[in-house]
């Protein structure tokens, strides 16, 4: 990815952690115990949005449903903070002037 794009994404918290099969082979590590506990204790249906060719249930964590998307859509869902959004008609958020951002 070109550096200017990385810098913009870094400011939003999207840091490049690796190339290739970081998640596939478990190098992304487990969820923090308090997150797993909260999901399990509250019956939360958690979702992970992935970009890759190895999309199967439990790949990220056993309690997650996985959705396979293109890299830009992975970022869009992260910015929206939900997978329960129609990205074709709903904004990802609002700017400082409350203008809808798509």
PDB file of N, CA and C in Angstrom:
ATOM      1  N   UNK A   1       0.855  -1.170   0.000  1.00  0.00           N
ATOM      2  CA  UNK A   1       0.000   0.000   0.000  1.00  0.00           C
ATOM      3  C   UNK A   1       0.905   1.238   0.000  1.00  0.00           C
ATOM      4  N   UNK A   2       0.578   2.249  -0.793  1.00  0.00           N
ATOM      5  CA  UNK A   2       1.398   3.457  -0.797  1.00  0.00           C
ATOM      6  C   UNK A   2       1.422   4.117   0.580  1.00  0.00           C
ATOM      7  N   UNK A   3       2.523   4.702   0.939  1.00  0.00           N
ATOM      8  CA  UNK A   3       2.674   5.317   2.261  1.00  0.00           C
ATOM      9  C   UNK A   3       1.604   6.335   2.600  1.00  0.00           C
ATOM     10  N   UNK A   4       1.204   7.263   1.679  1.00  0.00           N
ATOM     11  CA  UNK A   4       0.160   8.221   2.080  1.00  0.00           C
ATOM     12  C   UNK A   4      -1.114   7.535   2.561  1.00  0.00           C
ATOM     13  N   UNK A   5      -1.508   6.462   1.893  1.00  0.00           N
ATOM     14  CA  UNK A   5      -2.707   5.736   2.328  1.00  0.00           C
ATOM     15  C   UNK A   5      -2.478   5.114   3.694  1.00  0.00           C
ATOM     16  N   UNK A   6      -1.287   4.558   3.916  1.00  0.00           N
ATOM     17  CA  UNK A   6      -0.987   3.956   5.219  1.00  0.00           C
ATOM     18  C   UNK A   6      -1.046   4.993   6.323  1.00  0.00           C
ATOM     19  N   UNK A   7      -0.503   6.174   6.075  1.00  0.00           N
ATOM     20  CA  UNK A   7      -0.505   7.220   7.098  1.00  0.00           C
ATOM     21  C   UNK A   7      -1.933   7.616   7.463  1.00  0.00           C
ATOM     22  N   UNK A   8      -2.782   7.757   6.457  1.00  0.00           N
ATOM     23  CA  UNK A   8      -4.181   8.111   6.731  1.00  0.00           C
ATOM     24  C   UNK A   8      -4.874   7.016   7.520  1.00  0.00           C
ATOM     25  N   UNK A   9      -4.639   5.771   7.135  1.00  0.00           N
ATOM     26  CA  UNK A   9      -5.257   4.651   7.851  1.00  0.00           C
ATOM     27  C   UNK A   9      -4.665   4.500   9.253  1.00  0.00           C
ATOM     28  N   UNK A  10      -3.360   4.748   9.410  1.00  0.00           N
ATOM     29  CA  UNK A  10      -2.729   4.689  10.730  1.00  0.00           C
ATOM     30  C   UNK A  10      -3.402   5.661  11.697  1.00  0.00           C
ATOM     31  N   UNK A  11      -3.735   6.859  11.221  1.00  0.00           N
ATOM     32  CA  UNK A  11      -4.387   7.855  12.075  1.00  0.00           C
ATOM     33  C   UNK A  11      -5.737   7.366  12.587  1.00  0.00           C
ATOM     34  N   UNK A  12      -6.374   6.488  11.817  1.00  0.00           N
ATOM     35  CA  UNK A  12      -7.677   5.944  12.211  1.00  0.00           C
ATOM     36  C   UNK A  12      -7.553   4.666  13.036  1.00  0.00           C
ATOM     37  N   UNK A  13      -6.313   4.190  13.227  1.00  0.00           N
ATOM     38  CA  UNK A  13      -6.101   2.979  14.003  1.00  0.00           C
ATOM     39  C   UNK A  13      -5.987   1.717  13.182  1.00  0.00           C
ATOM     40  N   UNK A  14      -5.878   1.842  11.864  1.00  0.00           N
ATOM     41  CA  UNK A  14      -5.721   0.684  10.991  1.00  0.00           C
ATOM     42  C   UNK A  14      -4.246   0.491  10.689  1.00  0.00           C
ATOM     43  N   UNK A  15      -3.548  -0.147  11.594  1.00  0.00           N
ATOM     44  CA  UNK A  15      -2.116  -0.326  11.430  1.00  0.00           C
ATOM     45  C   UNK A  15      -1.820  -1.629  10.704  1.00  0.00           C
ATOM     46  N   UNK A  16      -0.867  -1.583   9.808  1.00  0.00           N
ATOM     47  CA  UNK A  16      -0.430  -2.761   9.090  1.00  0.00           C
ATOM     48  C   UNK A  16       0.340  -3.656  10.047  1.00  0.00           C
ATOM     49  N   UNK A  17      -0.129  -4.891  10.206  1.00  0.00           N
ATOM     50  CA  UNK A  17       0.531  -5.809  11.141  1.00  0.00           C
ATOM     51  C   UNK A  17       1.261  -6.929  10.435  1.00  0.00           C
ATOM     52  N   UNK A  18       0.971  -7.167   9.187  1.00  0.00           N
ATOM     53  CA  UNK A  18       1.651  -8.233   8.475  1.00  0.00           C
ATOM     54  C   UNK A  18       1.002  -8.492   7.136  1.00  0.00           C
ATOM     55  N   UNK A  19       1.719  -9.204   6.321  1.00  0.00           N
ATOM     56  CA  UNK A  19       1.206  -9.596   5.020  1.00  0.00           C
ATOM     57  C   UNK A  19       0.980 -11.097   5.028  1.00  0.00           C
ATOM     58  N   UNK A  20       0.119 -11.553   4.158  1.00  0.00           N
ATOM     59  CA  UNK A  20      -0.071 -12.997   4.026  1.00  0.00           C
ATOM     60  C   UNK A  20      -1.053 -13.543   5.039  1.00  0.00           C
ATOM     61  N   UNK A  21      -0.721 -14.671   5.586  1.00  0.00           N
ATOM     62  CA  UNK A  21      -1.662 -15.441   6.403  1.00  0.00           C
ATOM     63  C   UNK A  21      -1.554 -15.159   7.893  1.00  0.00           C
ATOM     64  N   UNK A  22      -1.489 -13.910   8.261  1.00  0.00           N
ATOM     65  CA  UNK A  22      -1.383 -13.559   9.675  1.00  0.00           C
ATOM     66  C   UNK A  22      -2.519 -14.169  10.489  1.00  0.00           C
ATOM     67  N   UNK A  23      -3.763 -13.991  10.035  1.00  0.00           N
ATOM     68  CA  UNK A  23      -4.903 -14.530  10.769  1.00  0.00           C
ATOM     69  C   UNK A  23      -5.073 -16.019  10.520  1.00  0.00           C
ATOM     70  N   UNK A  24      -4.852 -16.454   9.275  1.00  0.00           N
ATOM     71  CA  UNK A  24      -5.070 -17.859   8.917  1.00  0.00           C
ATOM     72  C   UNK A  24      -4.322 -18.819   9.834  1.00  0.00           C
ATOM     73  N   UNK A  25      -3.082 -18.474  10.156  1.00  0.00           N
ATOM     74  CA  UNK A  25      -2.264 -19.401  10.934  1.00  0.00           C
ATOM     75  C   UNK A  25      -2.223 -19.042  12.412  1.00  0.00           C
ATOM     76  N   UNK A  26      -3.072 -18.116  12.820  1.00  0.00           N
ATOM     77  CA  UNK A  26      -3.188 -17.802  14.237  1.00  0.00           C
ATOM     78  C   UNK A  26      -2.233 -16.754  14.758  1.00  0.00           C
ATOM     79  N   UNK A  27      -1.492 -16.099  13.892  1.00  0.00           N
ATOM     80  CA  UNK A  27      -0.531 -15.106  14.356  1.00  0.00           C
ATOM     81  C   UNK A  27      -1.165 -13.823  14.864  1.00  0.00           C
ATOM     82  N   UNK A  28      -2.456 -13.662  14.660  1.00  0.00           N
ATOM     83  CA  UNK A  28      -3.119 -12.473  15.193  1.00  0.00           C
ATOM     84  C   UNK A  28      -3.376 -12.620  16.685  1.00  0.00           C
ATOM     85  N   UNK A  29      -3.262 -13.833  17.184  1.00  0.00           N
ATOM     86  CA  UNK A  29      -3.409 -14.078  18.619  1.00  0.00           C
ATOM     87  C   UNK A  29      -4.854 -14.177  19.053  1.00  0.00           C
ATOM     88  N   UNK A  30      -5.057 -14.623  20.288  1.00  0.00           N
ATOM     89  CA  UNK A  30      -6.415 -14.771  20.806  1.00  0.00           C
ATOM     90  C   UNK A  30      -7.012 -13.425  21.209  1.00  0.00           C
ATOM     91  N   UNK A  31      -8.303 -13.412  21.372  1.00  0.00           N
ATOM     92  CA  UNK A  31      -8.963 -12.229  21.913  1.00  0.00           C
ATOM     93  C   UNK A  31      -8.547 -12.054  23.363  1.00  0.00           C
ATOM     94  N   UNK A  32      -8.588 -10.822  23.825  1.00  0.00           N
ATOM     95  CA  UNK A  32      -8.330 -10.575  25.247  1.00  0.00           C
ATOM     96  C   UNK A  32      -9.385 -11.339  26.051  1.00  0.00           C
ATOM     97  N   UNK A  33      -8.998 -11.958  27.164  1.00  0.00           N
ATOM     98  CA  UNK A  33      -9.946 -12.766  27.949  1.00  0.00           C
ATOM     99  C   UNK A  33     -11.218 -12.024  28.336  1.00  0.00           C
ATOM    100  N   UNK A  34     -11.109 -10.747  28.663  1.00  0.00           N
ATOM    101  CA  UNK A  34     -12.306  -9.996  29.066  1.00  0.00           C
ATOM    102  C   UNK A  34     -13.272  -9.806  27.902  1.00  0.00           C
ATOM    103  N   UNK A  35     -12.746  -9.745  26.678  1.00  0.00           N
ATOM    104  CA  UNK A  35     -13.628  -9.632  25.511  1.00  0.00           C
ATOM    105  C   UNK A  35     -14.361 -10.950  25.286  1.00  0.00           C
ATOM    106  N   UNK A  36     -13.629 -12.056  25.309  1.00  0.00           N
ATOM    107  CA  UNK A  36     -14.260 -13.371  25.156  1.00  0.00           C
ATOM    108  C   UNK A  36     -15.318 -13.596  26.220  1.00  0.00           C
ATOM    109  N   UNK A  37     -15.012 -13.237  27.457  1.00  0.00           N
ATOM    110  CA  UNK A  37     -15.955 -13.423  28.571  1.00  0.00           C
ATOM    111  C   UNK A  37     -17.224 -12.598  28.347  1.00  0.00           C
ATOM    112  N   UNK A  38     -17.061 -11.352  27.941  1.00  0.00           N
ATOM    113  CA  UNK A  38     -18.223 -10.489  27.701  1.00  0.00           C
ATOM    114  C   UNK A  38     -19.105 -11.058  26.596  1.00  0.00           C
ATOM    115  N   UNK A  39     -18.493 -11.518  25.515  1.00  0.00           N
ATOM    116  CA  UNK A  39     -19.255 -12.108  24.406  1.00  0.00           C
ATOM    117  C   UNK A  39     -20.026 -13.329  24.890  1.00  0.00           C
ATOM    118  N   UNK A  40     -19.331 -14.233  25.576  1.00  0.00           N
ATOM    119  CA  UNK A  40     -19.962 -15.471  26.036  1.00  0.00           C
ATOM    120  C   UNK A  40     -21.003 -15.238  27.119  1.00  0.00           C
ATOM    121  N   UNK A  41     -20.706 -14.375  28.088  1.00  0.00           N
ATOM    122  CA  UNK A  41     -21.622 -14.142  29.207  1.00  0.00           C
ATOM    123  C   UNK A  41     -22.894 -13.424  28.801  1.00  0.00           C
ATOM    124  N   UNK A  42     -22.856 -12.672  27.717  1.00  0.00           N
ATOM    125  CA  UNK A  42     -24.008 -11.864  27.319  1.00  0.00           C
ATOM    126  C   UNK A  42     -24.705 -12.358  26.060  1.00  0.00           C
ATOM    127  N   UNK A  43     -24.307 -13.516  25.558  1.00  0.00           N
ATOM    128  CA  UNK A  43     -24.963 -14.073  24.378  1.00  0.00           C
ATOM    129  C   UNK A  43     -24.827 -13.185  23.146  1.00  0.00           C
ATOM    130  N   UNK A  44     -23.733 -12.470  23.057  1.00  0.00           N
ATOM    131  CA  UNK A  44     -23.515 -11.566  21.927  1.00  0.00           C
ATOM    132  C   UNK A  44     -23.185 -12.384  20.673  1.00  0.00           C
ATOM    133  N   UNK A  45     -23.792 -12.003  19.574  1.00  0.00           N
ATOM    134  CA  UNK A  45     -23.439 -12.595  18.284  1.00  0.00           C
ATOM    135  C   UNK A  45     -22.389 -11.680  17.675  1.00  0.00           C
ATOM    136  N   UNK A  46     -21.147 -12.072  17.789  1.00  0.00           N
ATOM    137  CA  UNK A  46     -20.042 -11.252  17.314  1.00  0.00           C
ATOM    138  C   UNK A  46     -19.727 -11.596  15.863  1.00  0.00           C
ATOM    139  N   UNK A  47     -19.197 -10.617  15.151  1.00  0.00           N
ATOM    140  CA  UNK A  47     -18.859 -10.830  13.742  1.00  0.00           C
ATOM    141  C   UNK A  47     -17.460 -10.308  13.461  1.00  0.00           C
ATOM    142  N   UNK A  48     -16.798 -10.958  12.540  1.00  0.00           N
ATOM    143  CA  UNK A  48     -15.498 -10.512  12.040  1.00  0.00           C
ATOM    144  C   UNK A  48     -15.629 -10.347  10.536  1.00  0.00           C
ATOM    145  N   UNK A  49     -15.103  -9.246  10.012  1.00  0.00           N
ATOM    146  CA  UNK A  49     -15.129  -8.998   8.584  1.00  0.00           C
ATOM    147  C   UNK A  49     -13.713  -9.197   8.066  1.00  0.00           C
ATOM    148  N   UNK A  50     -13.556 -10.136   7.146  1.00  0.00           N
ATOM    149  CA  UNK A  50     -12.248 -10.543   6.668  1.00  0.00           C
ATOM    150  C   UNK A  50     -12.113 -10.339   5.174  1.00  0.00           C
ATOM    151  N   UNK A  51     -10.889 -10.199   4.748  1.00  0.00           N
ATOM    152  CA  UNK A  51     -10.579 -10.193   3.324  1.00  0.00           C
ATOM    153  C   UNK A  51      -9.592 -11.324   3.092  1.00  0.00           C
ATOM    154  N   UNK A  52     -10.037 -12.349   2.436  1.00  0.00           N
ATOM    155  CA  UNK A  52      -9.150 -13.477   2.198  1.00  0.00           C
ATOM    156  C   UNK A  52      -9.894 -14.628   1.589  1.00  0.00           C
ATOM    157  N   UNK A  53      -9.170 -15.672   1.302  1.00  0.00           N
ATOM    158  CA  UNK A  53      -9.785 -16.825   0.647  1.00  0.00           C
ATOM    159  C   UNK A  53     -10.005 -17.995   1.588  1.00  0.00           C
ATOM    160  N   UNK A  54      -9.810 -17.798   2.868  1.00  0.00           N
ATOM    161  CA  UNK A  54     -10.005 -18.879   3.836  1.00  0.00           C
ATOM    162  C   UNK A  54     -11.048 -18.467   4.855  1.00  0.00           C
ATOM    163  N   UNK A  55     -12.236 -18.257   4.372  1.00  0.00           N
ATOM    164  CA  UNK A  55     -13.313 -17.779   5.226  1.00  0.00           C
ATOM    165  C   UNK A  55     -14.105 -18.965   5.760  1.00  0.00           C
ATOM    166  N   UNK A  56     -13.924 -19.282   7.028  1.00  0.00           N
ATOM    167  CA  UNK A  56     -14.702 -20.347   7.650  1.00  0.00           C
ATOM    168  C   UNK A  56     -14.980 -19.981   9.089  1.00  0.00           C
ATOM    169  N   UNK A  57     -16.093 -20.497   9.589  1.00  0.00           N
ATOM    170  CA  UNK A  57     -16.514 -20.189  10.950  1.00  0.00           C
ATOM    171  C   UNK A  57     -15.421 -20.555  11.941  1.00  0.00           C
ATOM    172  N   UNK A  58     -15.188 -19.666  12.894  1.00  0.00           N
ATOM    173  CA  UNK A  58     -14.217 -19.929  13.933  1.00  0.00           C
ATOM    174  C   UNK A  58     -12.793 -19.578  13.575  1.00  0.00           C
ATOM    175  N   UNK A  59     -12.574 -19.053  12.381  1.00  0.00           N
ATOM    176  CA  UNK A  59     -11.200 -18.735  11.985  1.00  0.00           C
ATOM    177  C   UNK A  59     -10.601 -17.656  12.869  1.00  0.00           C
ATOM    178  N   UNK A  60     -11.344 -16.631  13.180  1.00  0.00           N
ATOM    179  CA  UNK A  60     -10.859 -15.548  14.023  1.00  0.00           C
ATOM    180  C   UNK A  60     -10.974 -15.933  15.485  1.00  0.00           C
ATOM    181  N   UNK A  61     -12.122 -16.414  15.875  1.00  0.00           N
ATOM    182  CA  UNK A  61     -12.371 -16.880  17.242  1.00  0.00           C
ATOM    183  C   UNK A  61     -13.606 -17.770  17.182  1.00  0.00           C
ATOM    184  N   UNK A  62     -13.697 -18.754  18.056  1.00  0.00           N
ATOM    185  CA  UNK A  62     -14.810 -19.709  17.975  1.00  0.00           C
ATOM    186  C   UNK A  62     -16.194 -19.084  18.040  1.00  0.00           C
ATOM    187  N   UNK A  63     -16.331 -17.940  18.721  1.00  0.00           N
ATOM    188  CA  UNK A  63     -17.668 -17.364  18.892  1.00  0.00           C
ATOM    189  C   UNK A  63     -18.038 -16.342  17.823  1.00  0.00           C
ATOM    190  N   UNK A  64     -17.210 -16.178  16.805  1.00  0.00           N
ATOM    191  CA  UNK A  64     -17.450 -15.178  15.774  1.00  0.00           C
ATOM    192  C   UNK A  64     -18.051 -15.773  14.518  1.00  0.00           C
ATOM    193  N   UNK A  65     -18.954 -15.015  13.908  1.00  0.00           N
ATOM    194  CA  UNK A  65     -19.392 -15.308  12.550  1.00  0.00           C
ATOM    195  C   UNK A  65     -18.471 -14.509  11.643  1.00  0.00           C
ATOM    196  N   UNK A  66     -18.068 -15.078  10.531  1.00  0.00           N
ATOM    197  CA  UNK A  66     -17.166 -14.395   9.617  1.00  0.00           C
ATOM    198  C   UNK A  66     -17.874 -13.947   8.355  1.00  0.00           C
ATOM    199  N   UNK A  67     -17.531 -12.783   7.885  1.00  0.00           N
ATOM    200  CA  UNK A  67     -18.026 -12.266   6.619  1.00  0.00           C
ATOM    201  C   UNK A  67     -16.818 -11.980   5.737  1.00  0.00           C
ATOM    202  N   UNK A  68     -16.848 -12.447   4.514  1.00  0.00           N
ATOM    203  CA  UNK A  68     -15.746 -12.212   3.583  1.00  0.00           C
ATOM    204  C   UNK A  68     -16.075 -10.997   2.730  1.00  0.00           C
ATOM    205  N   UNK A  69     -15.175 -10.026   2.713  1.00  0.00           N
ATOM    206  CA  UNK A  69     -15.365  -8.789   1.960  1.00  0.00           C
ATOM    207  C   UNK A  69     -14.047  -8.374   1.302  1.00  0.00           C
ATOM    208  N   UNK A  70     -14.127  -7.434   0.372  1.00  0.00           N
ATOM    209  CA  UNK A  70     -12.928  -6.867  -0.238  1.00  0.00           C
ATOM    210  C   UNK A  70     -12.234  -5.991   0.812  1.00  0.00           C
ATOM    211  N   UNK A  71     -10.924  -5.748   0.652  1.00  0.00           N
ATOM    212  CA  UNK A  71     -10.226  -4.911   1.640  1.00  0.00           C
ATOM    213  C   UNK A  71     -10.888  -3.557   1.918  1.00  0.00           C
ATOM    214  N   UNK A  72     -11.353  -2.808   0.894  1.00  0.00           N
ATOM    215  CA  UNK A  72     -12.017  -1.535   1.223  1.00  0.00           C
ATOM    216  C   UNK A  72     -13.297  -1.728   2.040  1.00  0.00           C
ATOM    217  N   UNK A  73     -14.025  -2.813   1.793  1.00  0.00           N
ATOM    218  CA  UNK A  73     -15.244  -3.047   2.568  1.00  0.00           C
ATOM    219  C   UNK A  73     -14.928  -3.483   3.998  1.00  0.00           C
ATOM    220  N   UNK A  74     -13.808  -4.153   4.203  1.00  0.00           N
ATOM    221  CA  UNK A  74     -13.381  -4.483   5.568  1.00  0.00           C
ATOM    222  C   UNK A  74     -13.199  -3.188   6.350  1.00  0.00           C
ATOM    223  N   UNK A  75     -12.514  -2.222   5.751  1.00  0.00           N
ATOM    224  CA  UNK A  75     -12.296  -0.933   6.411  1.00  0.00           C
ATOM    225  C   UNK A  75     -13.626  -0.198   6.593  1.00  0.00           C
ATOM    226  N   UNK A  76     -14.496  -0.233   5.590  1.00  0.00           N
ATOM    227  CA  UNK A  76     -15.789   0.456   5.691  1.00  0.00           C
ATOM    228  C   UNK A  76     -16.615  -0.097   6.848  1.00  0.00           C
ATOM    229  N   UNK A  77     -16.683  -1.412   6.991  1.00  0.00           N
ATOM    230  CA  UNK A  77     -17.429  -1.996   8.109  1.00  0.00           C
ATOM    231  C   UNK A  77     -16.799  -1.617   9.442  1.00  0.00           C
ATOM    232  N   UNK A  78     -15.474  -1.579   9.497  1.00  0.00           N
ATOM    233  CA  UNK A  78     -14.800  -1.180  10.735  1.00  0.00           C
ATOM    234  C   UNK A  78     -15.117   0.266  11.085  1.00  0.00           C
ATOM    235  N   UNK A  79     -15.099   1.144  10.090  1.00  0.00           N
ATOM    236  CA  UNK A  79     -15.431   2.546  10.339  1.00  0.00           C
ATOM    237  C   UNK A  79     -16.877   2.701  10.802  1.00  0.00           C
ATOM    238  N   UNK A  80     -17.768   1.918  10.205  1.00  0.00           N
ATOM    239  CA  UNK A  80     -19.179   1.966  10.585  1.00  0.00           C
ATOM    240  C   UNK A  80     -19.389   1.381  11.983  1.00  0.00           C
ATOM    241  N   UNK A  81     -18.514   0.456  12.367  1.00  0.00           N
ATOM    242  CA  UNK A  81     -18.641  -0.162  13.682  1.00  0.00           C
ATOM    243  C   UNK A  81     -19.677  -1.251  13.755  1.00  0.00           C
ATOM    244  N   UNK A  82     -20.148  -1.704  12.606  1.00  0.00           N
ATOM    245  CA  UNK A  82     -21.184  -2.734  12.588  1.00  0.00           C
ATOM    246  C   UNK A  82     -21.208  -3.433  11.229  1.00  0.00           C
ATOM    247  N   UNK A  83     -21.703  -4.650  11.224  1.00  0.00           N
ATOM    248  CA  UNK A  83     -21.971  -5.330   9.960  1.00  0.00           C
ATOM    249  C   UNK A  83     -23.447  -5.208   9.610  1.00  0.00           C
ATOM    250  N   UNK A  84     -24.232  -4.685  10.541  1.00  0.00           N
ATOM    251  CA  UNK A  84     -25.664  -4.516  10.331  1.00  0.00           C
ATOM    252  C   UNK A  84     -25.929  -3.140   9.710  1.00  0.00           C
ATOM    253  N   UNK A  85     -25.370  -2.937   8.526  1.00  0.00           N
ATOM    254  CA  UNK A  85     -25.503  -1.656   7.833  1.00  0.00           C
ATOM    255  C   UNK A  85     -25.607  -1.919   6.341  1.00  0.00           C
ATOM    256  N   UNK A  86     -26.409  -1.119   5.677  1.00  0.00           N
ATOM    257  CA  UNK A  86     -26.489  -1.168   4.223  1.00  0.00           C
ATOM    258  C   UNK A  86     -25.529  -0.112   3.688  1.00  0.00           C
ATOM    259  N   UNK A  87     -24.341  -0.543   3.290  1.00  0.00           N
ATOM    260  CA  UNK A  87     -23.311   0.394   2.861  1.00  0.00           C
ATOM    261  C   UNK A  87     -23.668   1.128   1.568  1.00  0.00           C
ATOM    262  N   UNK A  88     -24.722   0.688   0.890  1.00  0.00           N
ATOM    263  CA  UNK A  88     -25.131   1.378  -0.337  1.00  0.00           C
ATOM    264  C   UNK A  88     -26.030   2.570  -0.054  1.00  0.00           C
ATOM    265  N   UNK A  89     -26.605   2.636   1.158  1.00  0.00           N
ATOM    266  CA  UNK A  89     -27.529   3.737   1.435  1.00  0.00           C
ATOM    267  C   UNK A  89     -27.333   4.400   2.797  1.00  0.00           C
ATOM    268  N   UNK A  90     -26.597   3.769   3.697  1.00  0.00           N
ATOM    269  CA  UNK A  90     -26.388   4.334   5.033  1.00  0.00           C
ATOM    270  C   UNK A  90     -24.975   4.889   5.156  1.00  0.00           C
ATOM    271  N   UNK A  91     -24.829   6.009   5.860  1.00  0.00           N
ATOM    272  CA  UNK A  91     -23.491   6.588   6.009  1.00  0.00           C
ATOM    273  C   UNK A  91     -22.616   5.765   6.951  1.00  0.00           C
ATOM    274  N   UNK A  92     -21.308   5.852   6.745  1.00  0.00           N
ATOM    275  CA  UNK A  92     -20.357   5.218   7.660  1.00  0.00           C
ATOM    276  C   UNK A  92     -20.294   5.986   8.974  1.00  0.00           C
ATOM    277  N   UNK A  93     -20.640   7.237   8.908  1.00  0.00           N
ATOM    278  CA  UNK A  93     -20.607   8.102  10.080  1.00  0.00           C
ATOM    279  C   UNK A  93     -20.893   9.525   9.657  1.00  0.00           C
ATOM    280  N   UNK A  94     -20.527  10.449  10.528  1.00  0.00           N
ATOM    281  CA  UNK A  94     -20.760  11.869  10.272  1.00  0.00           C
ATOM    282  C   UNK A  94     -19.481  12.640  10.566  1.00  0.00           C
ATOM    283  N   UNK A  95     -19.266  13.732   9.835  1.00  0.00           N
ATOM    284  CA  UNK A  95     -18.075  14.541  10.079  1.00  0.00           C
ATOM    285  C   UNK A  95     -18.349  15.508  11.228  1.00  0.00           C
ATOM    286  N   UNK A  96     -17.410  16.416  11.483  1.00  0.00           N
ATOM    287  CA  UNK A  96     -17.527  17.360  12.604  1.00  0.00           C
ATOM    288  C   UNK A  96     -18.709  18.294  12.465  1.00  0.00           C
ATOM    289  N   UNK A  97     -19.205  18.455  11.230  1.00  0.00           N
ATOM    290  CA  UNK A  97     -20.359  19.338  10.988  1.00  0.00           C
ATOM    291  C   UNK A  97     -21.648  18.535  10.865  1.00  0.00           C
ATOM    292  N   UNK A  98     -21.601  17.276  11.280  1.00  0.00           N
ATOM    293  CA  UNK A  98     -22.764  16.376  11.243  1.00  0.00           C
ATOM    294  C   UNK A  98     -23.193  16.019   9.823  1.00  0.00           C
ATOM    295  N   UNK A  99     -22.311  16.192   8.855  1.00  0.00           N
ATOM    296  CA  UNK A  99     -22.610  15.801   7.486  1.00  0.00           C
ATOM    297  C   UNK A  99     -22.334  14.315   7.324  1.00  0.00           C
ATOM    298  N   UNK A 100     -23.267  13.612   6.719  1.00  0.00           N
ATOM    299  CA  UNK A 100     -23.133  12.165   6.544  1.00  0.00           C
ATOM    300  C   UNK A 100     -21.942  11.824   5.648  1.00  0.00           C
ATOM    301  N   UNK A 101     -21.163  10.833   6.046  1.00  0.00           N
ATOM    302  CA  UNK A 101     -19.984  10.405   5.282  1.00  0.00           C
ATOM    303  C   UNK A 101     -20.231   9.012   4.722  1.00  0.00           C
ATOM    304  N   UNK A 102     -20.080   8.875   3.416  1.00  0.00           N
ATOM    305  CA  UNK A 102     -20.269   7.597   2.743  1.00  0.00           C
ATOM    306  C   UNK A 102     -18.960   7.048   2.270  1.00  0.00           C
TER     307      UNK A 102
END
